[in-house]
Each structure stands twice: as structure tokens, then as C-alpha cells.
Amino acid sequence: MSLIEARFEAQKIAFGPLIFQAARLLRDLGILAALRSASAGLRLDEIVERVDASRYGVLVLLEAGLGAGLVRADGDRYALTTTGAVILRDDLTRINMDFVHHGCFQAMYYLEDSIRRGAPAGLQKIFGDFTTIYPALSTLPEPVRESWLRWDHYYSDAAFAQALPIVFERSPRTLLDVGGNTGKWAIQCARHSAEVSVTILDLPGQVAAAARSIEQAGLQSRITTQAIDLLDHTRPFPAGFNAIWMSQFLVCFSEADVLKLLERAAAAMGPDSALYILDTFWDRQEHEAAAFSLQAISLYFTCLANGTSRMYKYSDIAAMIEAAGLKVEKVTDHLGICSSLLVCRRR
């Protein structure tokens, strides 16, 4: 890359927050959709007639879109580019943008404070005096909570269907879902196998939400919940389960806490038990866009989630698994959007 090219790339970063908001408004005000409906492109006044925004507002957004590569101009007509179509129609991009806008954008102003303090300063400045985001999830205002849940579930839920046959290869009768959140995985397990009983282990607010979902599904007889402070490492995990499940769980904790959680899982496992870890490791991605997204998401953990965790590399987690007295028996990559499933047993 030449110096001139590098300088251009640097300007994209320098003006990134402004271009992000312009792209979001091009999408949300219907400008990109109007262009998509006209293969020959539209003149400025034709676009203004189709959207609820002033001529000036449409013009400045279009010109920002030109610089960002979302639209192109041919004479006095504007047309949609492939990148603009992705901003408009791609589910992953929409979910990520909504999550960043509603949940992260204001909070990221306090990223430096978060890094210096090792605490989620953005969370505390914008959403309240919480030490982590997890107890706050049930009380986050809308549309923040909805955007967070759609983002969180999108990454994990897409992999669940592919993970189920792997987890049930050995027909577990009992499964401990550590960090079970709203109960989606537990419900899918109970529907997948009529023989399995599931226990969800999570914070009080999360198990309350899970209990409502379980009741709606009519599965109270086979799915139970247990409230626990997951960071109280003096409290052992309940033992006697054939399988222990952790989905997008370990990334929520510091390295020291991850090791303790793995040690607690190992202590609860019998000789025939298996620990299943479903997560998104940026060093096992097939596509550069996935690795980039995961590396960026680490900043959410720094500023909002807890101030101490990140999207781990597989090699980081594998070392902690070994240190906890476990071994990785099998790895299945490219599940769902960008997940890997680790099958672990006691050494």
C-alpha cells in the first residue's frame, strides 16, 4: 500500500463514527431502499419525493454515501452499490449496526476510561451503576435490550441446529446449561430428545426470564433453573450431569475467571461426562470479515460488558482448558455464522 492509499484508509477511520451514522440514516430513512427500487438510478428530487427528509438532508447523506461507497453517481442520477445493498438487506450487517448504534455508540466515548480502569465505564456512564452488563440486561431500555438480544442470539442460535447432533451423539440424559440466558438452547435440547433433562445455571434475572420461556413451551417437567452468582468461585457447579454446555459464555469473563469456571466445570464432571463449549474464535474464521467483526466486538466487552474480557482466540481458550485439567477431544468449525464447538473431557 502506498502512502497515499494508507492515508485514505486512515481518513476512513478518522471519520468512521460520522460515516456510520450517515450509513444508518441512508438505510433507516429509506434512501437506499428507494435507490434499490430504481435500477436506472434516481435524481435527487425523485429521491426526496420518496422519503421523509428534506432536500438538504438527503443531499448531504447521499454525498457522504458517495465517499463511503454506498451509492454512486452517473451524471445527476444516484444508484445503489453492492456495499449499499449489503447495508440495506444483509441480516448480519443490520444486526451489528443496530447493536452498535443502540448499545455501543454513546458508551464507546468512554473506552479509554474503561481500559485505564479495567471496568465497563461506558456501561456505567450510559446505562447505570452496574459492575457488568449481565445483571442489567433485564432492565435495559428499549430498543437497546431488543438490539442486544437479537445480536447475541444471532451468533449463537444460527449454530444450535448444527451443534445438537454433536452434543447428542452419546445420548446424554442430563445436561447442565451454564449461562443459559433466556433458555433457548435448553428448550431446543428438550425438543430434540425426549430423554434429556436440562438444568439452567445463571444469574437470578436470567433464570427468571428463562423460566417464563420454559413455561410458555410447556417444558417445566424437564427443564429446571438454578440461580447462582457465576463469579462466586467458592460455589461448586452441581455434579452428576452427562453433559455440561457453555454457549458464548467464556468470552464474558476475564482470563482468571475463565480458568476458575473451567476448573469448576471439571470438578463437576465424572469420567464419562463431556463439556461442550460453543464460541466464536477469531483465529478459526473462514472469512476475513468474520475475524474483523469478532476483533471489534472485543471493545464491547471492554467498554460495556465487564471491562476485562474479550473475543478470545482458540489458542487462548485451549491453554486454559488444559490448565483446568481438561483436554480438547474434538473441534468442529464453521457452525452457523462463525462458531466452533469444542468437546472436552477430563484428563
Protein backbone atom coordinates (compact mmCIF):
# COMPACT_ATOMS: atom_id res chain seq x y z
CA MET A 1 0.00 0.00 0.00
CA SER A 2 1.34 3.41 -0.95
CA LEU A 3 1.43 6.32 1.48
CA ILE A 4 -1.43 7.99 -0.39
CA GLU A 5 -3.54 4.82 -0.14
CA ALA A 6 -2.68 4.40 3.53
CA ARG A 7 -3.65 7.99 4.19
CA PHE A 8 -7.04 7.39 2.58
CA GLU A 9 -7.57 4.30 4.75
CA ALA A 10 -6.64 6.39 7.79
CA GLN A 11 -9.28 9.01 6.90
CA LYS A 12 -11.92 6.27 6.80
CA ILE A 13 -11.03 5.53 10.41
CA ALA A 14 -10.83 9.21 11.39
CA PHE A 15 -14.35 9.87 10.10
CA GLY A 16 -15.70 6.40 10.91
CA PRO A 17 -18.27 7.49 13.52
CA LEU A 18 -19.73 10.11 11.14
CA ILE A 19 -19.91 7.72 8.20
CA PHE A 20 -21.52 5.06 10.40
CA GLN A 21 -24.39 7.38 11.29
CA ALA A 22 -24.76 8.53 7.69
CA ALA A 23 -24.98 4.91 6.54
CA ARG A 24 -27.56 4.13 9.20
CA LEU A 25 -29.73 7.07 8.16
CA LEU A 26 -29.39 6.26 4.47
CA ARG A 27 -30.83 2.88 5.46
CA ASP A 28 -33.44 3.96 8.01
CA LEU A 29 -34.80 6.97 6.12
CA GLY A 30 -35.49 4.77 3.11
CA ILE A 31 -32.94 6.34 0.74
CA LEU A 32 -31.13 3.09 -0.01
CA ALA A 33 -34.46 1.29 -0.47
CA ALA A 34 -35.60 3.97 -2.95
CA LEU A 35 -32.43 3.51 -4.97
CA ARG A 36 -32.79 -0.28 -4.89
CA SER A 37 -36.23 0.02 -6.48
CA ALA A 38 -34.87 2.01 -9.45
CA SER A 39 -32.31 0.10 -11.48
CA ALA A 40 -31.63 3.16 -13.67
CA GLY A 41 -30.98 5.33 -10.62
CA LEU A 42 -32.82 8.39 -9.36
CA ARG A 43 -32.28 12.13 -9.43
CA LEU A 44 -32.08 13.99 -6.13
CA ASP A 45 -35.59 15.43 -6.37
CA GLU A 46 -37.02 11.98 -7.18
CA ILE A 47 -35.42 10.58 -4.04
CA VAL A 48 -36.74 13.47 -1.93
CA GLU A 49 -40.27 12.72 -3.15
CA ARG A 50 -39.98 9.13 -1.86
CA VAL A 51 -38.58 9.68 1.64
CA ASP A 52 -39.43 11.69 4.75
CA ALA A 53 -36.44 14.03 4.77
CA SER A 54 -35.56 17.46 3.44
CA ARG A 55 -33.74 18.01 0.16
CA TYR A 56 -30.72 19.24 2.11
CA GLY A 57 -30.74 16.21 4.41
CA VAL A 58 -30.98 13.77 1.53
CA LEU A 59 -28.19 15.56 -0.34
CA VAL A 60 -25.65 15.53 2.49
CA LEU A 61 -26.39 11.86 3.21
CA LEU A 62 -26.02 10.94 -0.46
CA GLU A 63 -22.71 12.75 -0.71
CA ALA A 64 -21.45 11.01 2.41
CA GLY A 65 -22.68 7.77 0.85
CA LEU A 66 -20.63 8.52 -2.27
CA GLY A 67 -17.48 8.81 -0.18
CA ALA A 68 -18.33 5.63 1.73
CA GLY A 69 -19.05 3.66 -1.44
CA LEU A 70 -22.71 3.04 -0.62
CA VAL A 71 -24.04 4.92 -3.64
CA ARG A 72 -22.57 6.00 -6.97
CA ALA A 73 -23.40 8.94 -9.23
CA ASP A 74 -23.85 8.88 -13.01
CA GLY A 75 -24.42 12.46 -14.04
CA ASP A 76 -27.34 13.72 -11.95
CA ARG A 77 -28.60 10.22 -11.08
CA TYR A 78 -27.71 8.24 -7.99
CA ALA A 79 -27.64 4.43 -7.85
CA LEU A 80 -27.09 1.77 -5.20
CA THR A 81 -23.73 -0.02 -4.99
CA THR A 82 -23.23 -3.60 -3.81
CA THR A 83 -21.98 -2.32 -0.45
CA GLY A 84 -25.08 -0.15 -0.13
CA ALA A 85 -27.23 -3.19 -0.87
CA VAL A 86 -25.46 -5.10 1.92
CA ILE A 87 -26.14 -2.25 4.37
CA LEU A 88 -29.80 -2.35 3.31
CA ARG A 89 -30.51 -6.08 3.08
CA ASP A 90 -27.88 -8.18 4.88
CA ASP A 91 -29.15 -9.52 8.23
CA LEU A 92 -25.72 -9.77 9.86
CA THR A 93 -24.85 -6.18 8.93
CA ARG A 94 -28.22 -4.85 10.12
CA ILE A 95 -28.00 -6.67 13.44
CA ASN A 96 -24.42 -5.49 14.02
CA MET A 97 -25.28 -1.88 13.10
CA ASP A 98 -28.35 -1.79 15.35
CA PHE A 99 -26.36 -3.28 18.22
CA VAL A 100 -23.56 -0.73 17.77
CA HIS A 101 -25.95 2.21 17.41
CA HIS A 102 -28.32 1.44 20.28
CA GLY A 103 -25.95 -0.27 22.68
CA CYS A 104 -22.38 0.83 21.98
CA PHE A 105 -22.14 4.15 20.17
CA GLN A 106 -22.52 6.54 23.12
CA ALA A 107 -20.73 4.21 25.51
CA MET A 108 -17.62 3.97 23.32
CA TYR A 109 -16.78 7.60 24.15
CA TYR A 110 -15.61 6.15 27.49
CA LEU A 111 -13.43 3.39 26.03
CA GLU A 112 -10.23 5.00 27.31
CA ASP A 113 -11.68 5.19 30.83
CA SER A 114 -12.65 1.51 30.58
CA ILE A 115 -9.17 0.47 29.51
CA ARG A 116 -7.46 2.51 32.22
CA ARG A 117 -9.78 1.32 34.98
CA GLY A 118 -10.38 -2.27 33.85
CA ALA A 119 -14.10 -1.61 34.33
CA PRO A 120 -17.01 -1.02 31.92
CA ALA A 121 -17.07 2.78 32.19
CA GLY A 122 -19.33 3.11 29.14
CA LEU A 123 -21.97 0.92 30.76
CA GLN A 124 -21.83 2.94 33.97
CA LYS A 125 -21.95 6.32 32.24
CA ILE A 126 -24.83 5.49 29.90
CA PHE A 127 -26.93 2.75 31.48
CA GLY A 128 -26.41 2.84 35.24
CA ASP A 129 -24.14 1.89 38.10
CA PHE A 130 -23.53 -1.76 37.21
CA THR A 131 -20.30 -3.71 37.55
CA THR A 132 -21.17 -5.80 34.47
CA ILE A 133 -23.92 -5.68 31.86
CA TYR A 134 -25.40 -9.06 32.77
CA PRO A 135 -27.48 -8.05 35.82
CA ALA A 136 -28.61 -5.02 33.79
CA LEU A 137 -29.94 -6.95 30.79
CA SER A 138 -33.47 -7.36 32.11
CA THR A 139 -33.74 -3.61 32.79
CA LEU A 140 -32.04 -2.13 29.72
CA PRO A 141 -34.31 0.36 27.94
CA GLU A 142 -35.76 -0.40 24.54
CA PRO A 143 -34.60 -0.57 21.81
CA VAL A 144 -31.24 -1.27 23.50
CA ARG A 145 -32.33 -4.57 25.02
CA GLU A 146 -34.03 -5.80 21.85
CA SER A 147 -30.96 -4.95 19.74
CA TRP A 148 -28.67 -6.65 22.26
CA LEU A 149 -30.75 -9.83 22.33
CA ARG A 150 -31.04 -10.01 18.54
CA TRP A 151 -27.27 -9.57 18.25
CA ASP A 152 -26.46 -12.10 20.98
CA HIS A 153 -28.89 -14.73 19.70
CA TYR A 154 -27.96 -14.28 16.04
CA TYR A 155 -24.44 -15.52 16.59
CA SER A 156 -25.34 -18.47 18.82
CA ASP A 157 -28.77 -19.52 17.55
CA ALA A 158 -27.53 -19.98 13.99
CA ALA A 159 -25.19 -22.71 15.26
CA PHE A 160 -27.60 -24.51 17.58
CA ALA A 161 -29.20 -26.77 14.96
CA GLN A 162 -25.78 -28.00 13.80
CA ALA A 163 -24.49 -28.40 17.35
CA LEU A 164 -27.42 -30.52 18.58
CA PRO A 165 -26.48 -33.76 16.77
CA ILE A 166 -22.90 -33.48 18.03
CA VAL A 167 -23.98 -32.98 21.65
CA PHE A 168 -26.48 -35.85 21.45
CA GLU A 169 -24.15 -38.35 19.74
CA ARG A 170 -23.84 -40.12 23.10
CA SER A 171 -27.49 -39.57 24.10
CA PRO A 172 -26.97 -37.61 27.34
CA ARG A 173 -29.82 -37.96 29.81
CA THR A 174 -28.82 -34.95 31.90
CA LEU A 175 -27.39 -31.63 30.70
CA LEU A 176 -26.21 -28.61 32.68
CA ASP A 177 -26.58 -25.37 30.69
CA VAL A 178 -24.13 -22.93 32.30
CA GLY A 179 -25.06 -19.36 31.44
CA GLY A 180 -28.34 -20.47 29.89
CA ASN A 181 -29.62 -16.92 29.32
CA THR A 182 -33.22 -16.96 28.04
CA GLY A 183 -33.41 -20.75 27.79
CA LYS A 184 -33.30 -21.10 24.01
CA TRP A 185 -30.69 -23.86 23.99
CA ALA A 186 -32.32 -25.78 26.84
CA ILE A 187 -35.68 -25.71 25.06
CA GLN A 188 -34.12 -26.91 21.81
CA CYS A 189 -32.43 -29.77 23.68
CA ALA A 190 -35.69 -30.86 25.30
CA ARG A 191 -37.45 -30.77 21.94
CA HIS A 192 -34.60 -32.65 20.25
CA SER A 193 -34.58 -35.51 22.77
CA ALA A 194 -37.50 -36.70 24.87
CA GLU A 195 -35.00 -38.45 27.19
CA VAL A 196 -32.94 -35.47 28.35
CA SER A 197 -33.43 -33.31 31.44
CA VAL A 198 -31.79 -29.89 31.48
CA THR A 199 -30.78 -27.59 34.33
CA ILE A 200 -30.03 -23.94 33.55
CA LEU A 201 -27.43 -22.24 35.73
CA ASP A 202 -27.36 -18.43 35.53
CA LEU A 203 -27.91 -15.13 37.33
CA PRO A 204 -31.28 -14.61 39.08
CA GLY A 205 -32.60 -12.18 36.44
CA GLN A 206 -31.66 -14.50 33.60
CA VAL A 207 -33.15 -17.66 35.11
CA ALA A 208 -36.37 -15.75 35.78
CA ALA A 209 -36.57 -14.87 32.08
CA ALA A 210 -35.69 -18.47 31.15
CA ALA A 211 -38.41 -19.82 33.46
CA ARG A 212 -41.02 -17.78 31.60
CA SER A 213 -39.86 -19.15 28.26
CA ILE A 214 -39.83 -22.71 29.62
CA GLU A 215 -43.37 -22.34 30.93
CA GLN A 216 -44.58 -20.99 27.60
CA ALA A 217 -43.01 -24.02 25.92
CA GLY A 218 -44.67 -26.39 28.41
CA LEU A 219 -41.37 -27.99 29.38
CA GLN A 220 -41.27 -27.33 33.13
CA SER A 221 -41.11 -31.06 33.88
CA ARG A 222 -37.79 -31.48 32.05
CA ILE A 223 -36.08 -28.09 32.34
CA THR A 224 -35.28 -26.57 35.72
CA THR A 225 -33.36 -23.45 36.67
CA GLN A 226 -30.88 -22.66 39.40
CA ALA A 227 -29.85 -19.09 40.24
CA ILE A 228 -26.19 -18.57 41.03
CA ASP A 229 -23.56 -15.86 41.07
CA LEU A 230 -21.33 -17.37 38.42
CA LEU A 231 -18.37 -15.32 39.65
CA ASP A 232 -18.59 -16.70 43.17
CA HIS A 233 -15.89 -19.30 42.66
CA THR A 234 -16.46 -20.75 46.13
CA ARG A 235 -19.75 -22.21 44.85
CA PRO A 236 -19.29 -25.51 43.00
CA PHE A 237 -21.29 -26.39 39.92
CA PRO A 238 -23.85 -29.14 40.56
CA ALA A 239 -22.43 -32.55 39.71
CA GLY A 240 -23.82 -35.69 38.12
CA PHE A 241 -24.55 -34.40 34.61
CA ASN A 242 -23.66 -36.32 31.45
CA ALA A 243 -23.04 -33.08 29.57
CA ILE A 244 -22.15 -29.52 30.51
CA TRP A 245 -22.89 -26.82 27.94
CA MET A 246 -21.40 -23.33 27.62
CA SER A 247 -22.52 -21.20 24.67
CA GLN A 248 -20.95 -17.76 24.12
CA PHE A 249 -20.18 -17.90 27.80
CA LEU A 250 -16.44 -17.86 28.45
CA VAL A 251 -15.91 -14.72 26.36
CA CYS A 252 -17.91 -12.89 29.04
CA PHE A 253 -15.15 -13.28 31.63
CA SER A 254 -11.53 -12.37 32.29
CA GLU A 255 -8.82 -14.98 31.78
CA ALA A 256 -8.57 -15.56 35.54
CA ASP A 257 -12.34 -16.12 35.80
CA VAL A 258 -12.42 -18.34 32.70
CA LEU A 259 -9.86 -20.63 34.32
CA LYS A 260 -11.86 -20.78 37.55
CA LEU A 261 -15.09 -21.52 35.66
CA LEU A 262 -13.41 -24.31 33.73
CA GLU A 263 -11.98 -25.73 36.95
CA ARG A 264 -15.47 -25.72 38.50
CA ALA A 265 -16.82 -27.50 35.40
CA ALA A 266 -14.01 -30.08 35.59
CA ALA A 267 -14.71 -30.70 39.28
CA ALA A 268 -18.39 -31.37 38.50
CA MET A 269 -17.61 -33.84 35.69
CA GLY A 270 -17.48 -37.59 36.00
CA PRO A 271 -15.19 -39.85 33.93
CA ASP A 272 -17.82 -40.14 31.19
CA SER A 273 -19.01 -36.52 31.25
CA ALA A 274 -18.31 -34.10 28.42
CA LEU A 275 -18.00 -30.33 28.41
CA TYR A 276 -19.23 -28.63 25.23
CA ILE A 277 -18.05 -25.09 24.51
CA LEU A 278 -19.71 -23.25 21.62
CA ASP A 279 -17.97 -19.97 20.85
CA THR A 280 -16.65 -17.64 18.17
CA PHE A 281 -12.86 -17.74 17.99
CA TRP A 282 -11.39 -15.11 15.70
CA ASP A 283 -8.36 -17.24 14.81
CA ARG A 284 -10.57 -20.06 13.42
CA GLN A 285 -12.60 -18.00 10.95
CA GLU A 286 -13.02 -18.84 7.29
CA HIS A 287 -13.59 -15.24 6.19
CA GLU A 288 -11.68 -12.06 6.96
CA ALA A 289 -14.93 -10.17 7.65
CA ALA A 290 -15.76 -12.58 10.47
CA ALA A 291 -12.36 -12.22 12.13
CA PHE A 292 -12.58 -8.43 11.83
CA SER A 293 -16.06 -8.35 13.38
CA LEU A 294 -15.01 -10.51 16.32
CA GLN A 295 -11.90 -8.44 16.99
CA ALA A 296 -14.07 -5.30 17.03
CA ILE A 297 -16.62 -6.92 19.36
CA SER A 298 -13.89 -7.25 21.99
CA LEU A 299 -14.23 -3.49 22.50
CA TYR A 300 -17.86 -4.00 23.53
CA PHE A 301 -16.68 -6.31 26.30
CA THR A 302 -14.11 -3.72 27.37
CA CYS A 303 -16.45 -0.74 27.48
CA LEU A 304 -19.86 -2.23 28.25
CA ALA A 305 -19.92 -5.87 29.28
CA ASN A 306 -17.36 -6.13 32.06
CA GLY A 307 -14.11 -4.31 31.27
CA THR A 308 -11.98 -7.45 31.47
CA SER A 309 -12.92 -9.99 28.78
CA ARG A 310 -12.65 -10.23 25.01
CA MET A 311 -13.38 -12.42 21.99
CA TYR A 312 -10.70 -15.00 22.68
CA LYS A 313 -8.54 -16.81 20.20
CA TYR A 314 -8.96 -20.56 20.21
CA SER A 315 -5.33 -20.95 21.30
CA ASP A 316 -6.04 -18.83 24.40
CA ILE A 317 -9.03 -20.93 25.44
CA ALA A 318 -7.28 -24.22 24.63
CA ALA A 319 -4.44 -23.32 27.00
CA MET A 320 -6.93 -22.54 29.79
CA ILE A 321 -8.79 -25.81 29.15
CA GLU A 322 -5.52 -27.71 29.62
CA ALA A 323 -4.68 -25.71 32.77
CA ALA A 324 -8.09 -26.63 34.23
CA GLY A 325 -7.33 -30.35 33.96
CA LEU A 326 -9.31 -30.91 30.78
CA LYS A 327 -8.42 -31.80 27.20
CA VAL A 328 -9.99 -30.86 23.89
CA GLU A 329 -11.16 -34.08 22.29
CA LYS A 330 -12.78 -32.65 19.15
CA VAL A 331 -13.26 -29.31 17.41
CA THR A 332 -15.97 -28.64 14.82
CA ASP A 333 -15.62 -25.32 13.00
CA HIS A 334 -17.87 -23.17 10.81
CA LEU A 335 -21.14 -23.82 12.62
CA GLY A 336 -23.80 -21.21 12.00
CA ILE A 337 -22.35 -17.78 11.27
CA CYS A 338 -18.86 -18.23 12.70
CA SER A 339 -18.94 -20.62 15.67
CA SER A 340 -16.76 -23.54 16.74
CA LEU A 341 -17.82 -26.36 19.04
CA LEU A 342 -15.23 -27.85 21.39
CA VAL A 343 -15.81 -31.23 23.03
CA CYS A 344 -13.75 -31.52 26.23
CA ARG A 345 -13.18 -34.28 28.75
CA ARG A 346 -11.22 -34.67 31.98
CA ARG A 347 -7.57 -35.58 31.61
